[in-house]
Amino acid sequence: MLDAVFGAGVRQPEQMQLLDPALGGLLDAIANGNDTLDTLVAGGFAVDEALAGLADLELAGLVSRGPGGRYLACA
């Protein structure tokens, strides 16, 4: 309900244009099924960079945490 009222979690086109290329790669990896820290690290991301990037993406409303430590790209 709050998402419908306030638009939380909705990817804004201007946010995507301003996205750092490294965060864009992380977001692409999540959208392609590498949706846990373990799979992101196995895919070549450094742990500290992945954690920082996930926090940035979550604060920007571009990903959300799901069950089992998974991250979901917000549509």
Protein backbone atom coordinates (compact mmCIF):
# COMPACT_ATOMS: atom_id res chain seq x y z
CA MET A 1 0.00 0.00 0.00
CA LEU A 2 2.73 2.48 0.93
CA ASP A 3 4.58 1.70 -2.29
CA ALA A 4 1.46 2.68 -4.24
CA VAL A 5 1.08 5.92 -2.30
CA PHE A 6 4.70 7.03 -2.08
CA GLY A 7 6.32 5.19 -4.98
CA ALA A 8 8.95 3.50 -2.82
CA GLY A 9 10.89 0.83 -4.65
CA VAL A 10 9.93 2.09 -8.09
CA ARG A 11 12.89 2.49 -10.43
CA GLN A 12 12.98 6.03 -11.77
CA PRO A 13 14.52 6.66 -15.24
CA GLU A 14 16.58 9.58 -13.93
CA GLN A 15 18.02 7.33 -11.20
CA MET A 16 19.15 4.84 -13.82
CA GLN A 17 20.89 7.55 -15.85
CA LEU A 18 22.85 8.75 -12.81
CA LEU A 19 23.83 5.27 -11.69
CA ASP A 20 27.56 4.64 -11.27
CA PRO A 21 28.75 2.04 -13.83
CA ALA A 22 29.96 -0.31 -11.06
CA LEU A 23 26.53 -0.18 -9.42
CA GLY A 24 24.94 -0.74 -12.80
CA GLY A 25 26.97 -3.92 -13.19
CA LEU A 26 25.91 -5.07 -9.74
CA LEU A 27 22.27 -4.34 -10.53
CA ASP A 28 22.54 -6.25 -13.82
CA ALA A 29 24.06 -9.22 -12.00
CA ILE A 30 21.18 -9.24 -9.50
CA ALA A 31 18.62 -9.00 -12.29
CA ASN A 32 20.32 -11.96 -14.03
CA GLY A 33 19.97 -14.25 -11.02
CA ASN A 34 23.13 -13.55 -9.01
CA ASP A 35 20.94 -12.37 -6.18
CA THR A 36 22.88 -13.33 -3.05
CA LEU A 37 26.19 -12.09 -1.71
CA ASP A 38 27.70 -15.54 -2.32
CA THR A 39 26.69 -15.64 -5.99
CA LEU A 40 27.84 -12.07 -6.53
CA VAL A 41 31.26 -12.87 -5.04
CA ALA A 42 31.44 -16.08 -7.08
CA GLY A 43 30.68 -13.93 -10.12
CA GLY A 44 33.71 -11.73 -9.52
CA PHE A 45 32.58 -8.96 -7.18
CA ALA A 46 34.75 -8.25 -4.13
CA VAL A 47 32.90 -8.78 -0.85
CA ASP A 48 33.39 -5.22 0.43
CA GLU A 49 32.43 -3.66 -2.90
CA ALA A 50 29.37 -5.90 -3.22
CA LEU A 51 28.17 -5.07 0.29
CA ALA A 52 28.68 -1.34 -0.21
CA GLY A 53 27.01 -1.48 -3.61
CA LEU A 54 24.05 -3.44 -2.29
CA ALA A 55 23.57 -0.83 0.45
CA ASP A 56 23.73 1.99 -2.11
CA LEU A 57 21.26 0.25 -4.42
CA GLU A 58 18.91 -0.48 -1.53
CA LEU A 59 19.01 3.13 -0.31
CA ALA A 60 18.31 4.30 -3.87
CA GLY A 61 15.25 2.03 -4.00
CA LEU A 62 16.68 -0.04 -6.86
CA VAL A 63 16.90 -3.32 -4.94
CA SER A 64 15.16 -4.76 -1.92
CA ARG A 65 16.03 -7.63 0.35
CA GLY A 66 14.08 -10.80 -0.02
CA PRO A 67 13.89 -13.99 1.97
CA GLY A 68 17.01 -16.12 2.36
CA GLY A 69 19.45 -13.23 1.93
CA ARG A 70 18.37 -12.64 -1.65
CA TYR A 71 18.26 -9.22 -3.29
CA LEU A 72 15.51 -8.35 -5.75
CA ALA A 73 15.76 -5.72 -8.46
CA CYS A 74 12.80 -3.37 -8.09
CA ALA A 75 10.74 -2.78 -11.22
